[in-house]
Protein backbone atom coordinates (compact mmCIF):
# COMPACT_ATOMS: atom_id res chain seq x y z
CA MET A 1 -101.14 93.35 122.07
CA LEU A 2 -97.84 94.83 120.90
CA ALA A 3 -99.56 98.18 120.59
CA VAL A 4 -100.77 97.95 124.18
CA LEU A 5 -97.31 97.03 125.46
CA SER A 6 -95.61 99.73 123.37
CA GLY A 7 -98.08 102.28 124.61
CA SER A 8 -97.44 101.28 128.22
CA VAL A 9 -93.68 101.56 127.71
CA ALA A 10 -94.14 104.98 126.09
CA LEU A 11 -96.11 106.12 129.14
CA VAL A 12 -93.29 104.93 131.40
CA HIS A 13 -90.75 106.92 129.37
CA ALA A 14 -93.07 109.91 129.44
CA ASP A 15 -93.40 109.63 133.21
CA GLU A 16 -89.63 109.39 133.55
CA SER A 17 -89.20 112.55 131.47
CA ALA A 18 -91.84 114.36 133.52
CA VAL A 19 -90.12 113.38 136.74
CA ALA A 20 -86.80 114.59 135.36
CA GLN A 21 -88.34 118.02 134.70
CA ALA A 22 -90.36 118.16 137.93
CA PRO A 23 -89.46 120.39 140.86
CA SER A 24 -86.82 118.93 143.13
CA GLY A 25 -89.32 118.54 146.00
CA LEU A 26 -91.67 116.35 143.94
CA THR A 27 -88.76 114.38 142.53
CA ALA A 28 -87.45 113.73 146.03
CA LEU A 29 -90.92 112.62 147.16
CA LEU A 30 -91.23 110.13 144.29
CA GLN A 31 -87.74 108.81 144.83
CA ALA A 32 -88.50 108.27 148.52
CA GLN A 33 -91.19 105.74 147.53
CA ARG A 34 -88.52 103.70 145.70
CA PRO A 35 -90.89 102.65 142.88
CA SER A 36 -90.12 99.76 140.53
CA GLY A 37 -92.12 97.45 138.34
CA THR A 38 -92.48 95.39 135.20
CA LEU A 39 -94.59 95.31 132.04
CA ARG A 40 -94.85 91.81 130.59
CA MET A 41 -96.30 90.13 127.55
CA ASP A 42 -96.65 86.33 127.87
CA TYR A 43 -97.61 83.50 125.57
CA PHE A 44 -98.68 80.13 127.02
CA ARG A 45 -99.52 77.17 124.85
CA SER A 46 -101.76 75.72 127.60
CA SER A 47 -103.74 77.01 130.55
CA ASN A 48 -102.96 75.80 134.06
CA THR A 49 -106.55 74.86 134.93
CA LEU A 50 -107.04 71.40 133.32
CA ASP A 51 -109.65 72.86 130.94
CA ASN A 52 -107.71 71.95 127.75
CA GLY A 53 -107.57 75.63 126.75
CA THR A 54 -104.73 76.57 124.37
CA ASP A 55 -102.89 79.59 122.97
CA PHE A 56 -103.03 82.38 125.58
CA LEU A 57 -101.42 85.73 124.73
CA GLY A 58 -101.63 87.94 127.80
CA ALA A 59 -100.35 91.16 129.34
CA THR A 60 -99.33 91.94 132.92
CA ALA A 61 -98.36 95.10 134.78
CA GLN A 62 -96.77 94.89 138.23
CA ILE A 63 -95.59 97.76 140.43
CA LYS A 64 -93.85 97.94 143.79
CA VAL A 65 -93.23 100.88 146.11
CA LEU A 66 -91.19 100.88 149.33
CA PRO A 67 -92.06 104.10 151.19
CA GLU A 68 -90.31 105.17 154.37
CA LEU A 69 -93.02 106.53 156.66
CA SER A 70 -90.63 107.61 159.40
CA SER A 71 -87.15 106.88 160.72
CA SER A 72 -88.44 103.64 162.29
CA ILE A 73 -91.39 102.67 160.08
CA ASP A 74 -91.32 101.59 156.45
CA ALA A 75 -93.78 99.86 154.19
CA LYS A 76 -94.20 97.79 151.04
CA LEU A 77 -96.97 97.82 148.46
CA GLU A 78 -96.85 95.49 145.46
CA ALA A 79 -99.77 94.92 143.10
CA ARG A 80 -100.37 93.12 139.83
CA ILE A 81 -102.91 93.58 137.03
CA THR A 82 -103.07 90.81 134.45
CA ASN A 83 -105.19 89.51 131.60
CA ALA A 84 -104.19 86.10 130.25
CA SER A 85 -106.00 86.57 126.92
CA PRO A 86 -107.36 90.11 126.34
CA GLY A 87 -107.89 89.56 122.61
CA ASN A 88 -110.23 86.62 123.27
CA GLY A 89 -112.41 88.13 125.97
CA GLY A 90 -110.13 87.24 128.86
CA GLU A 91 -110.92 88.63 132.29
CA THR A 92 -108.71 91.39 133.69
CA GLN A 93 -107.72 90.53 137.26
CA SER A 94 -106.00 92.64 139.88
CA ARG A 95 -104.32 91.43 143.06
CA LEU A 96 -102.50 93.06 145.93
CA LEU A 97 -99.55 90.73 146.38
CA GLU A 98 -98.23 92.45 149.50
CA GLY A 99 -99.23 95.53 151.46
CA TYR A 100 -97.75 95.97 154.92
CA ALA A 101 -95.98 98.32 157.32
CA THR A 102 -92.97 97.38 159.43
CA ALA A 103 -92.01 99.06 162.71
CA HIS A 104 -88.34 98.66 163.63
CA PHE A 105 -87.29 98.55 167.27
CA GLU A 106 -83.85 98.16 168.80
CA LYS A 107 -84.01 94.35 168.89
CA ALA A 108 -87.28 93.53 167.12
CA ASP A 109 -89.41 94.17 164.02
CA LEU A 110 -93.21 94.21 163.90
CA ARG A 111 -94.87 93.74 160.50
CA ILE A 112 -98.63 94.16 160.02
CA GLY A 113 -100.55 93.67 156.76
CA LYS A 114 -100.69 91.41 153.75
CA GLN A 115 -97.34 89.67 153.49
CA ILE A 116 -95.53 86.71 151.98
CA VAL A 117 -93.72 84.55 154.54
CA ALA A 118 -91.72 81.69 153.01
CA TRP A 119 -90.21 79.04 155.28
CA GLY A 120 -87.67 76.41 154.32
CA ARG A 121 -84.13 76.12 153.00
CA ALA A 122 -84.51 73.30 150.45
CA ASP A 123 -84.61 74.16 146.75
CA GLY A 124 -88.07 74.28 145.17
CA ILE A 125 -89.66 71.67 147.49
CA ASN A 126 -90.27 72.97 151.02
CA PRO A 127 -92.15 70.75 153.52
CA THR A 128 -92.25 73.56 156.13
CA ASP A 129 -93.60 76.27 153.79
CA ASN A 130 -97.16 76.27 155.17
CA LEU A 131 -97.89 79.91 156.07
CA THR A 132 -98.76 81.80 152.88
CA PRO A 133 -100.26 80.50 149.63
CA ARG A 134 -99.33 80.05 146.00
CA ASP A 135 -101.34 80.48 142.81
CA PHE A 136 -100.57 77.36 140.78
CA VAL A 137 -102.87 78.40 137.90
CA VAL A 138 -101.38 81.85 137.17
CA LEU A 139 -100.04 82.14 133.62
CA LEU A 140 -96.63 83.61 134.47
CA PRO A 141 -93.34 81.74 134.04
CA PHE A 142 -91.40 81.97 137.32
CA GLU A 143 -91.80 80.24 140.69
CA ASP A 144 -91.94 83.55 142.57
CA ASP A 145 -94.85 84.65 140.34
CA GLN A 146 -97.02 82.11 142.16
CA ARG A 147 -96.63 83.68 145.60
CA PHE A 148 -99.12 86.10 147.16
CA GLY A 149 -99.59 87.26 150.73
CA THR A 150 -101.88 86.68 153.68
CA THR A 151 -103.05 89.44 156.02
CA ALA A 152 -101.17 88.73 159.25
CA ILE A 153 -99.01 89.99 162.10
CA LYS A 154 -95.36 88.92 162.14
CA PHE A 155 -93.08 89.71 165.07
CA ASP A 156 -89.33 89.06 164.88
CA THR A 157 -87.21 89.43 167.99
CA TYR A 158 -83.42 89.24 167.70
CA LEU A 159 -82.14 87.17 170.60
CA SER A 160 -78.53 87.50 169.45
CA PRO A 161 -76.68 88.43 166.23
CA GLN A 162 -77.32 84.86 164.98
CA HIS A 163 -80.65 83.90 166.58
CA THR A 164 -84.12 85.18 165.68
CA LEU A 165 -87.46 84.15 167.17
CA SER A 166 -90.39 84.77 164.78
CA VAL A 167 -94.11 84.63 165.57
CA PHE A 168 -96.73 84.69 162.79
CA VAL A 169 -100.44 85.08 163.60
CA THR A 170 -103.44 85.46 161.28
CA PRO A 171 -107.21 84.95 161.51
CA TRP A 172 -107.38 85.48 157.74
CA PHE A 173 -106.72 82.11 156.14
CA GLU A 174 -105.86 82.34 152.44
CA PRO A 175 -105.66 79.03 150.49
CA SER A 176 -103.51 78.21 147.49
CA LYS A 177 -105.18 78.19 144.09
CA MET A 178 -105.06 74.72 142.52
CA PRO A 179 -105.90 73.18 139.14
CA LEU A 180 -108.90 70.94 139.81
CA PRO A 181 -110.91 68.39 137.82
CA THR A 182 -113.54 69.93 135.55
CA THR A 183 -115.84 66.87 135.54
CA ALA A 184 -117.73 67.78 138.73
CA THR A 185 -119.44 70.72 140.42
CA ILE A 186 -117.22 71.89 143.28
CA LYS A 187 -118.27 74.10 146.21
CA GLN A 188 -115.39 75.75 148.04
CA GLN A 189 -115.58 75.88 151.85
CA ILE A 190 -113.01 78.30 153.28
CA PRO A 191 -112.71 78.31 157.10
CA ALA A 192 -114.44 81.29 158.72
CA ARG A 193 -112.02 84.17 159.24
CA THR A 194 -112.47 84.51 162.99
CA LEU A 195 -110.19 84.70 166.03
CA SER A 196 -111.10 81.13 166.95
CA HIS A 197 -109.72 80.02 163.58
CA SER A 198 -106.47 81.96 163.93
CA GLU A 199 -103.32 80.34 162.57
CA VAL A 200 -100.05 80.51 164.52
CA GLY A 201 -96.50 79.89 163.34
CA ILE A 202 -93.39 80.05 165.55
CA LYS A 203 -89.82 79.66 164.33
CA LEU A 204 -86.44 79.84 166.04
CA ASP A 205 -83.84 80.58 163.38
CA LYS A 206 -80.06 80.52 163.55
CA ALA A 207 -78.04 82.15 160.73
CA GLY A 208 -74.32 82.86 160.45
CA GLU A 209 -70.93 81.42 161.36
CA GLY A 210 -71.11 78.95 158.48
CA PHE A 211 -74.23 77.10 159.63
CA ASP A 212 -77.91 78.06 159.20
CA ALA A 213 -80.76 76.14 160.81
CA SER A 214 -84.24 76.51 162.28
CA VAL A 215 -86.93 74.65 164.16
CA SER A 216 -90.57 75.60 163.67
CA TYR A 217 -94.16 74.95 164.72
CA PHE A 218 -97.34 75.72 162.82
CA ARG A 219 -100.97 75.28 163.82
CA GLY A 220 -103.49 76.26 161.17
CA PHE A 221 -105.14 75.07 157.99
CA SER A 222 -103.71 73.18 155.05
CA LEU A 223 -103.01 75.46 152.08
CA LEU A 224 -103.85 72.54 149.79
CA PRO A 225 -107.47 71.36 149.69
CA ASP A 226 -109.18 68.01 149.98
CA LEU A 227 -112.36 66.97 148.19
CA GLY A 228 -115.51 65.61 149.80
CA VAL A 229 -118.81 64.38 148.38
CA ILE A 230 -122.05 66.25 149.10
CA ALA A 231 -124.23 64.30 146.71
CA SER A 232 -124.24 62.64 143.30
CA VAL A 233 -126.13 64.58 140.64
CA SER A 234 -126.66 62.36 137.55
CA SER A 235 -123.17 61.53 136.26
CA ALA A 236 -121.43 64.54 137.88
CA PRO A 237 -121.05 64.46 141.68
CA LEU A 238 -121.45 67.60 143.79
CA LEU A 239 -118.21 68.03 145.74
CA THR A 240 -116.83 70.21 148.50
CA LEU A 241 -113.37 71.72 148.49
CA HIS A 242 -112.35 72.00 152.14
CA TYR A 243 -109.24 72.91 154.12
CA ASP A 244 -108.58 70.93 157.30
CA ARG A 245 -106.70 71.78 160.46
CA ILE A 246 -103.08 70.63 160.55
CA THR A 247 -100.21 70.84 163.03
CA VAL A 248 -96.69 70.92 161.62
CA PHE A 249 -93.38 70.39 163.44
CA GLY A 250 -90.49 71.36 161.18
CA ALA A 251 -86.74 71.85 160.95
CA ASP A 252 -84.19 72.80 158.29
CA PHE A 253 -80.47 73.42 157.88
CA ALA A 254 -77.89 74.67 155.38
CA ARG A 255 -74.10 74.35 155.53
CA ASN A 256 -71.41 75.22 152.99
CA PHE A 257 -68.01 73.56 152.57
CA GLY A 258 -66.15 75.58 149.96
CA ARG A 259 -68.15 75.31 146.74
CA PHE A 260 -70.26 72.46 148.13
CA GLY A 261 -73.53 73.29 149.87
CA PHE A 262 -75.59 70.88 151.97
CA ARG A 263 -79.19 71.56 152.91
CA GLY A 264 -82.11 69.68 154.31
CA GLU A 265 -85.67 70.15 155.52
CA LEU A 266 -88.14 68.01 157.46
CA ALA A 267 -91.78 68.33 158.52
CA TYR A 268 -94.12 66.08 160.44
CA VAL A 269 -97.73 66.99 159.58
CA ASP A 270 -100.46 65.89 161.96
CA SER A 271 -104.06 65.92 160.71
CA ALA A 272 -107.55 65.19 162.03
CA ASP A 273 -107.61 61.73 160.40
CA GLN A 274 -105.59 59.91 163.06
CA ARG A 275 -106.81 56.48 161.96
CA GLY A 276 -106.50 57.10 158.24
CA THR A 277 -110.08 56.00 157.59
CA ASP A 278 -111.54 59.25 156.19
CA PRO A 279 -110.99 59.40 152.41
CA ALA A 280 -111.89 63.12 152.46
CA THR A 281 -109.05 64.06 154.84
CA LYS A 282 -105.28 63.75 154.44
CA ASN A 283 -103.44 61.32 156.71
CA PRO A 284 -100.65 62.39 159.08
CA PHE A 285 -97.29 62.12 157.32
CA LEU A 286 -93.55 62.74 157.55
CA PHE A 287 -91.94 64.58 154.65
CA TRP A 288 -88.19 65.22 154.38
CA ILE A 289 -85.71 66.34 151.74
CA ILE A 290 -81.91 66.54 151.68
CA GLY A 291 -79.63 67.86 148.97
CA LEU A 292 -76.20 68.84 147.74
CA ASP A 293 -75.22 71.65 145.40
CA ARG A 294 -71.94 72.73 143.88
CA THR A 295 -70.76 75.60 141.71
CA PHE A 296 -68.38 74.73 138.88
CA PHE A 297 -66.30 77.28 137.00
CA ALA A 298 -67.79 80.78 137.40
CA ASN A 299 -71.56 80.27 137.21
CA LEU A 300 -72.43 76.61 136.55
CA ASN A 301 -74.49 75.47 139.54
CA VAL A 302 -75.76 71.92 140.02
CA ASN A 303 -78.27 71.08 142.77
CA LEU A 304 -79.42 67.52 143.48
CA GLN A 305 -81.97 66.57 146.16
CA PHE A 306 -83.59 63.37 147.44
CA PHE A 307 -87.00 63.45 149.13
CA GLU A 308 -89.25 60.96 150.88
CA ARG A 309 -92.81 60.98 152.24
CA ARG A 310 -94.07 58.45 154.81
CA VAL A 311 -97.85 58.28 155.36
CA ARG A 312 -99.19 57.08 158.70
CA GLN A 313 -102.24 54.80 158.93
CA TYR A 314 -102.18 54.32 155.16
CA HIS A 315 -105.10 52.60 153.42
CA THR A 316 -105.05 52.21 149.65
CA PRO A 317 -107.92 54.17 148.06
CA ASP A 318 -108.17 51.54 145.32
CA ALA A 319 -109.83 49.17 147.82
CA ILE A 320 -112.87 51.43 148.40
CA VAL A 321 -115.98 49.77 146.96
CA ASP A 322 -118.17 52.79 146.19
CA PRO A 323 -116.95 54.19 142.83
CA VAL A 324 -117.64 57.87 143.66
CA GLU A 325 -115.99 57.64 147.06
CA ARG A 326 -113.08 55.71 145.54
CA GLY A 327 -112.60 58.38 142.88
CA ILE A 328 -112.58 61.17 145.48
CA ALA A 329 -110.14 59.23 147.67
CA ILE A 330 -107.77 58.73 144.73
CA GLN A 331 -108.00 62.41 143.77
CA ASN A 332 -107.20 63.45 147.36
CA ALA A 333 -104.28 61.03 147.48
CA ILE A 334 -102.93 62.68 144.30
CA LEU A 335 -103.39 66.23 145.67
CA ASP A 336 -101.77 65.32 149.01
CA GLY A 337 -98.95 63.17 147.60
CA GLN A 338 -100.36 60.16 149.49
CA ARG A 339 -100.89 57.68 146.67
CA ASP A 340 -98.56 55.25 148.48
CA ARG A 341 -97.55 54.54 152.08
CA LEU A 342 -93.93 55.31 151.21
CA SER A 343 -92.92 57.43 148.23
CA HIS A 344 -89.62 58.94 147.26
CA GLY A 345 -88.03 60.88 144.45
CA ILE A 346 -85.30 63.25 143.31
CA SER A 347 -85.14 66.82 142.10
CA PHE A 348 -82.35 68.68 140.39
CA ARG A 349 -81.65 72.17 139.14
CA ILE A 350 -78.83 73.05 136.73
CA SER A 351 -78.15 76.67 135.82
CA ASP A 352 -75.44 78.64 134.06
CA LYS A 353 -74.74 82.13 132.67
CA TRP A 354 -72.81 83.37 129.64
CA PHE A 355 -71.90 86.59 127.79
CA ASN A 356 -71.40 88.78 130.87
CA ASP A 357 -74.45 87.22 132.55
CA THR A 358 -76.82 88.38 129.80
CA LEU A 359 -77.78 84.82 128.83
CA GLU A 360 -79.12 82.51 131.56
CA ALA A 361 -80.22 78.90 131.22
CA GLU A 362 -81.86 76.68 133.83
CA LEU A 363 -83.27 73.18 133.93
CA PHE A 364 -85.41 72.19 136.92
CA ALA A 365 -86.88 68.70 137.22
CA VAL A 366 -88.68 66.51 139.76
CA PHE A 367 -88.93 62.72 139.37
CA ASN A 368 -91.24 60.68 141.57
CA LEU A 369 -89.45 57.33 141.63
CA THR A 370 -92.34 55.40 143.19
CA ARG A 371 -95.01 56.13 140.54
CA HIS A 372 -92.58 57.14 137.74
CA ASP A 373 -94.13 60.55 137.02
CA SER A 374 -92.16 63.74 136.51
CA PHE A 375 -92.13 67.49 135.99
CA ILE A 376 -89.45 69.14 133.83
CA ARG A 377 -89.11 72.90 133.29
CA PRO A 378 -86.38 74.29 131.01
CA LEU A 379 -85.87 78.09 131.00
CA LEU A 380 -83.74 80.34 128.78
CA THR A 381 -83.54 84.08 129.52
CA TYR A 382 -81.67 86.76 127.58
CA ALA A 383 -81.19 90.39 128.68
CA PHE A 384 -81.38 92.61 125.59
CA SER A 385 -80.60 95.69 127.72
CA ASP A 386 -80.83 96.90 131.30
CA HIS A 387 -84.63 97.11 130.91
CA TRP A 388 -85.62 94.43 128.38
CA LYS A 389 -85.53 90.65 128.90
CA GLY A 390 -86.91 87.72 126.94
CA THR A 391 -87.68 84.24 128.31
CA LEU A 392 -88.45 80.93 126.61
CA GLY A 393 -89.47 77.82 128.50
CA ALA A 394 -91.81 74.87 128.88
CA ALA A 395 -93.73 72.99 131.57
CA LEU A 396 -93.55 69.26 130.84
CA TYR A 397 -95.73 66.90 132.91
CA ASN A 398 -95.31 63.15 132.45
CA GLY A 399 -96.82 60.04 133.98
CA ALA A 400 -100.02 58.07 134.42
CA ALA A 401 -103.29 59.93 134.95
CA ASP A 402 -103.49 58.84 138.61
CA THR A 403 -100.11 60.34 139.56
CA GLN A 404 -99.19 63.77 140.94
CA TYR A 405 -97.62 65.12 137.74
CA GLY A 406 -99.33 62.84 135.24
CA SER A 407 -102.71 64.21 136.37
CA LEU A 408 -101.55 67.65 135.15
CA GLY A 409 -100.78 66.44 131.63
CA ALA A 410 -103.42 68.76 130.13
CA ASN A 411 -101.30 71.72 131.27
CA ARG A 412 -98.21 70.60 129.35
CA GLY A 413 -96.87 73.21 126.95
CA ALA A 414 -94.33 75.88 126.00
CA PHE A 415 -94.34 79.54 127.04
CA ALA A 416 -92.54 82.78 126.24
CA GLU A 417 -92.27 86.19 127.87
CA LEU A 418 -91.07 89.66 126.88
CA ARG A 419 -90.46 91.82 129.96
CA TYR A 420 -89.72 95.51 130.46
CA GLY A 421 -88.46 96.44 133.92
CA PHE A 422 -88.33 99.95 135.37
């Protein structure tokens, strides 16, 4: 593995030398694409797929280019190739994270292609972030590593220096990738990618003058799945993994007072199960979060948030008589955060930097106060040079098996990364 990484770095240096000696026209052409990227070697004690796999030593290459096609059109291409365990027969996977072109007009931008669109101003937990998916099973250490794009059209019109109206449209639904139980056969049912199944998001955003806020509307499919039963085959049921229509009304805000920052986010999610009687479909719910952060000294930042989820037409899944149906209902309640009619919790993030910002430490944690489960992720990153960084961390899931984070206990473990950026 070290040989592979060293060889890749050597190729990068060789390419840099070649560019330095290339004719000025070619050099200018390459520089116009604004290339950048990373080579990474990662170790994960556990997989993220609930399969009880351990000890993954993988390699990842990621590259990004930002070409300017004309004075009013630019583009972005970012792709990743990764193998979580090449020495043990791991599968090499490639993914286009984003690939789009943007046309700039006097008071508007039009973006077409595969793109990541993240909504919400809360920290780490975003009730309104329903447009583009995440890969929760990828073996990479950072939150942004989970994001990948959806092929869509996004139109931003600038109503004033502070106000922007955004419209997002796609017929190409792309779900999030989730860790799922391995005790059953699961058949995924992705909505047909047709015009009649198009998703639409609209947001009016205000930014500047000390106060940022937005209101939003989304009509599309849930990024997170629900399970349904097709049939029971011996002791292992045959299940469907389906994605239901939802309508989301959202809002968020952020306001700073000196070193204190206040932010909040709210979403009401309407679903097809208006009466709450279908165990294979999520109930309508209200989800909100509010928080406060403050910077102490030069770099010590503390962020504390409180969140609450209220489920409409709640029926406890524990009361279902049929054991298979009851098990599916409980699993869906865990996936959707609907184990209780009313649930609440806190999250916090503490970060600091030392030694001219070369050493960074962060602790992020979420505690569900209703079911007493939690997720804790410490991170420590050191920059050896302008190109090389090392990261140590852990993903710690705690709680009972029928809770949101306790159900992920098999994925608990430490990780490490060595990264070369160019």
